[in-house]
C-alpha atoms as a PDB file:
ATOM      1  CA  GLN A   1       0.258  -0.248  -0.335  1.00  0.00           C
ATOM      2  CA  VAL A   2       1.302   3.086  -0.763  1.00  0.00           C
ATOM      3  CA  GLN A   3       1.417   5.824   1.351  1.00  0.00           C
ATOM      4  CA  LEU A   4       2.709   9.302   2.366  1.00  0.00           C
ATOM      5  CA  VAL A   5       2.478  11.085   5.654  1.00  0.00           C
ATOM      6  CA  GLU A   6       3.171  14.121   6.849  1.00  0.00           C
ATOM      7  CA  SER A   7       4.149  15.805  10.273  1.00  0.00           C
ATOM      8  CA  GLY A   8       5.654  18.628  11.783  1.00  0.00           C
ATOM      9  CA  GLY A   9       2.726  20.794  12.057  1.00  0.00           C
ATOM     10  CA  GLY A  10       1.447  22.545  14.671  1.00  0.00           C
ATOM     11  CA  LEU A  11       0.596  25.283  16.844  1.00  0.00           C
ATOM     12  CA  VAL A  12       3.727  28.688  16.417  1.00  0.00           C
ATOM     13  CA  GLN A  13       3.550  32.196  17.286  1.00  0.00           C
ATOM     14  CA  ALA A  14       3.912  34.879  13.834  1.00  0.00           C
ATOM     15  CA  GLY A  15       7.166  34.904  12.895  1.00  0.00           C
ATOM     16  CA  GLY A  16       8.125  31.752  13.977  1.00  0.00           C
ATOM     17  CA  SER A  17       9.497  28.980  12.018  1.00  0.00           C
ATOM     18  CA  LEU A  18       8.549  25.441  11.233  1.00  0.00           C
ATOM     19  CA  ARG A  19       9.571  22.528   9.191  1.00  0.00           C
ATOM     20  CA  LEU A  20       7.493  20.230   7.436  1.00  0.00           C
ATOM     21  CA  THR A  21       8.014  16.484   6.755  1.00  0.00           C
ATOM     22  CA  CYS A  22       6.366  13.857   4.463  1.00  0.00           C
ATOM     23  CA  VAL A  23       7.651  10.570   4.161  1.00  0.00           C
ATOM     24  CA  GLY A  24       6.569   7.783   1.528  1.00  0.00           C
ATOM     25  CA  SER A  25       6.173   4.378   1.583  1.00  0.00           C
ATOM     26  CA  GLY A  26       4.930   1.430  -0.892  1.00  0.00           C
ATOM     27  CA  ARG A  27       6.804   2.586  -3.080  1.00  0.00           C
ATOM     28  CA  ALA A  28       9.729   4.803  -4.064  1.00  0.00           C
ATOM     29  CA  PHE A  29       9.809   8.368  -5.357  1.00  0.00           C
ATOM     30  CA  SER A  30      12.889   9.544  -6.062  1.00  0.00           C
ATOM     31  CA  THR A  31      12.084   9.861 -10.106  1.00  0.00           C
ATOM     32  CA  ASN A  32       9.147  11.568  -9.104  1.00  0.00           C
ATOM     33  CA  ALA A  33       8.124  14.773  -8.737  1.00  0.00           C
ATOM     34  CA  MET A  34       6.948  15.514  -4.969  1.00  0.00           C
ATOM     35  CA  ALA A  35       5.109  18.343  -3.841  1.00  0.00           C
ATOM     36  CA  TRP A  36       3.149  20.570  -1.404  1.00  0.00           C
ATOM     37  CA  PHE A  37      -0.421  22.323  -1.014  1.00  0.00           C
ATOM     38  CA  ARG A  38      -2.533  23.723   1.602  1.00  0.00           C
ATOM     39  CA  GLN A  39      -5.857  24.211   2.072  1.00  0.00           C
ATOM     40  CA  ALA A  40      -7.118  26.887   4.359  1.00  0.00           C
ATOM     41  CA  PRO A  41     -10.296  27.223   6.358  1.00  0.00           C
ATOM     42  CA  GLY A  42     -12.670  28.014   3.960  1.00  0.00           C
ATOM     43  CA  LYS A  43     -10.656  27.742   1.023  1.00  0.00           C
ATOM     44  CA  GLU A  44      -9.991  25.350  -1.885  1.00  0.00           C
ATOM     45  CA  ARG A  45      -6.526  24.030  -1.781  1.00  0.00           C
ATOM     46  CA  GLU A  46      -3.655  25.752  -3.239  1.00  0.00           C
ATOM     47  CA  PHE A  47      -0.686  24.612  -4.723  1.00  0.00           C
ATOM     48  CA  VAL A  48       2.455  25.417  -2.480  1.00  0.00           C
ATOM     49  CA  ALA A  49       5.655  24.257  -3.872  1.00  0.00           C
ATOM     50  CA  VAL A  50       6.684  20.946  -5.887  1.00  0.00           C
ATOM     51  CA  SER A  51      10.510  19.238  -6.593  1.00  0.00           C
ATOM     52  CA  SER A  52      11.445  17.535  -9.406  1.00  0.00           C
ATOM     53  CA  SER A  53      12.649  14.289  -8.780  1.00  0.00           C
ATOM     54  CA  GLY A  54      16.625  16.048 -10.231  1.00  0.00           C
ATOM     55  CA  GLY A  55      16.000  18.465  -7.246  1.00  0.00           C
ATOM     56  CA  ILE A  56      14.184  21.714  -9.613  1.00  0.00           C
ATOM     57  CA  THR A  57      12.013  23.103  -7.808  1.00  0.00           C
ATOM     58  CA  HIS A  58       9.089  25.721  -7.643  1.00  0.00           C
ATOM     59  CA  TYR A  59       7.054  28.174  -6.386  1.00  0.00           C
ATOM     60  CA  ALA A  60       3.773  29.445  -5.414  1.00  0.00           C
ATOM     61  CA  GLY A  61       3.754  33.453  -5.388  1.00  0.00           C
ATOM     62  CA  SER A  62       2.563  33.381  -2.314  1.00  0.00           C
ATOM     63  CA  ALA A  63       5.834  30.880  -0.913  1.00  0.00           C
ATOM     64  CA  LYS A  64       8.459  32.895  -2.666  1.00  0.00           C
ATOM     65  CA  GLY A  65      11.124  33.639  -0.011  1.00  0.00           C
ATOM     66  CA  ARG A  66       9.734  31.953   2.867  1.00  0.00           C
ATOM     67  CA  PHE A  67       9.082  28.876   2.141  1.00  0.00           C
ATOM     68  CA  THR A  68      11.859  26.014   0.652  1.00  0.00           C
ATOM     69  CA  ILE A  69      11.004  22.354  -0.126  1.00  0.00           C
ATOM     70  CA  SER A  70      14.260  19.534  -0.299  1.00  0.00           C
ATOM     71  CA  ARG A  71      13.622  16.469  -0.628  1.00  0.00           C
ATOM     72  CA  GLU A  72      16.196  13.452   0.357  1.00  0.00           C
ATOM     73  CA  ASN A  73      15.740  10.539  -2.040  1.00  0.00           C
ATOM     74  CA  ALA A  74      17.274   8.216   0.338  1.00  0.00           C
ATOM     75  CA  LYS A  75      14.740   8.246   2.561  1.00  0.00           C
ATOM     76  CA  ASN A  76      11.563   8.734   0.278  1.00  0.00           C
ATOM     77  CA  ALA A  77      11.159  12.231   1.863  1.00  0.00           C
ATOM     78  CA  VAL A  78      10.491  15.620   1.273  1.00  0.00           C
ATOM     79  CA  TYR A  79      10.459  18.694   3.260  1.00  0.00           C
ATOM     80  CA  LEU A  80       8.483  22.020   4.113  1.00  0.00           C
ATOM     81  CA  GLN A  81      10.664  24.943   5.558  1.00  0.00           C
ATOM     82  CA  ILE A  82       8.420  27.686   6.384  1.00  0.00           C
ATOM     83  CA  ASP A  83      10.037  30.976   7.712  1.00  0.00           C
ATOM     84  CA  SER A  84       8.435  33.898   9.593  1.00  0.00           C
ATOM     85  CA  LEU A  85       5.117  32.116   9.756  1.00  0.00           C
ATOM     86  CA  LYS A  86       2.421  34.092   9.475  1.00  0.00           C
ATOM     87  CA  PRO A  87      -1.464  34.176  10.281  1.00  0.00           C
ATOM     88  CA  GLU A  88      -2.857  33.404   6.868  1.00  0.00           C
ATOM     89  CA  ASP A  89      -0.578  30.560   6.632  1.00  0.00           C
ATOM     90  CA  THR A  90      -2.308  28.883   8.948  1.00  0.00           C
ATOM     91  CA  ALA A  91      -3.500  25.504   6.359  1.00  0.00           C
ATOM     92  CA  VAL A  92      -4.120  21.832   6.852  1.00  0.00           C
ATOM     93  CA  TYR A  93      -0.413  21.511   4.619  1.00  0.00           C
ATOM     94  CA  TYR A  94      -0.827  18.713   1.837  1.00  0.00           C
ATOM     95  CA  CYS A  95       1.847  16.175   0.554  1.00  0.00           C
ATOM     96  CA  ALA A  96       1.603  14.916  -2.955  1.00  0.00           C
ATOM     97  CA  ALA A  97       4.023  12.542  -5.786  1.00  0.00           C
ATOM     98  CA  VAL A  98       3.691  11.424  -8.598  1.00  0.00           C
ATOM     99  CA  LEU A  99       2.720  14.452 -11.416  1.00  0.00           C
ATOM    100  CA  ARG A 100       0.410  12.550 -13.644  1.00  0.00           C
ATOM    101  CA  SER A 101       0.245  13.087 -17.542  1.00  0.00           C
ATOM    102  CA  GLY A 102      -3.736  15.223 -16.724  1.00  0.00           C
ATOM    103  CA  GLY A 103      -1.991  17.469 -14.007  1.00  0.00           C
ATOM    104  CA  GLU A 104      -3.110  15.864 -11.266  1.00  0.00           C
ATOM    105  CA  TYR A 105      -1.424  13.716  -8.245  1.00  0.00           C
ATOM    106  CA  ALA A 106      -1.255  10.174  -7.494  1.00  0.00           C
ATOM    107  CA  TYR A 107      -0.755  10.527  -4.391  1.00  0.00           C
ATOM    108  CA  TRP A 108      -1.564  12.582  -1.218  1.00  0.00           C
ATOM    109  CA  GLY A 109      -0.880  12.265   2.566  1.00  0.00           C
ATOM    110  CA  GLN A 110      -3.813  13.032   4.919  1.00  0.00           C
ATOM    111  CA  GLY A 111      -2.293  16.168   5.609  1.00  0.00           C
ATOM    112  CA  THR A 112      -1.125  18.002   9.065  1.00  0.00           C
ATOM    113  CA  GLN A 113      -2.502  21.243  10.718  1.00  0.00           C
ATOM    114  CA  VAL A 114      -0.459  24.042  10.629  1.00  0.00           C
ATOM    115  CA  THR A 115      -1.562  27.262  13.172  1.00  0.00           C
ATOM    116  CA  VAL A 116       0.062  30.473  13.116  1.00  0.00           C
ATOM    117  CA  SER A 117      -1.221  32.534  15.769  1.00  0.00           C
ATOM    118  CA  SER A 118      -1.126  36.517  16.253  1.00  0.00           C
END
């Protein structure tokens, strides 16, 4: 069974930092893109960042400068470092892997909650 499991979320004060971790199991993701999305209360899920299999990264405009995606293929893991957290970063953060030709990701994690207090 293929799984993605996120961890590292929590309650932090504005200005703080968090490092989210997503670990895959059931298959290797080293040759696939891995990405982070988030869904804030009452809003649609939105793209945050992606890392290609070769480590090339791309960020949503709102994530540039404070978010850093990285991956460790030996551990089948992808990370999201978030610095200078803002209350508007409050959301459930999801990990996704294996981008299909139709533009959808094949695998999703269950999400980890990030709450930023002002």
